């Protein structure tokens, strides 16, 4: 992985981000489908974006013995069918103290993210993968389409009071400038 430092190469990062956001823009609209919460599409990205930063609950650091970068690791912190007795639910709903996760300076999970995780646990915490459906790209907006994707996939690192790489993707002013330092 390289870090691009020049403004010339910044457009590549902006283009890559645009492609990722466009390609995944349709996935959010199916979160409350008739099949319930999908682990791979709805739950795993929340854990990966918010819990697996360097020094936290990733496969290298395994802080407190947890690797939350994959299904088996996440399952160790949940009690399938009972979100209220799951350690994962307990720590993501705390807002203060040492047990509150993610810790400062990272943003706490949104109510929607907490609801998604609790529904997944209550539905049995299955390792589900979901078939993709046809994507309708009409009506894609920053607030309705792009911001929810950034919240799920990016703001765990690029949000809060100390965003990674000093790139804050929580508002339009942070998204609009072409990045000059991006890890690809």
Foldseek 3Di string as FASTA:
>chain_A
DDKFFAPVCLVVVLVVLVVVLLVCLQLVVCCPPPVHHACVRQQLLQCVLAADDPCGQDPVNNVVVAHSNDLVRVVVQADAQDRVPGNVLVQLPDDDDPSNPPDPQFDRQDPVNSVSVSRCRNNGVDNGDDDDDDGDSPPADCVPGVQVVCSRHPRSQQDGPDHPVVQHPNDDVSSPDRDSIDDD
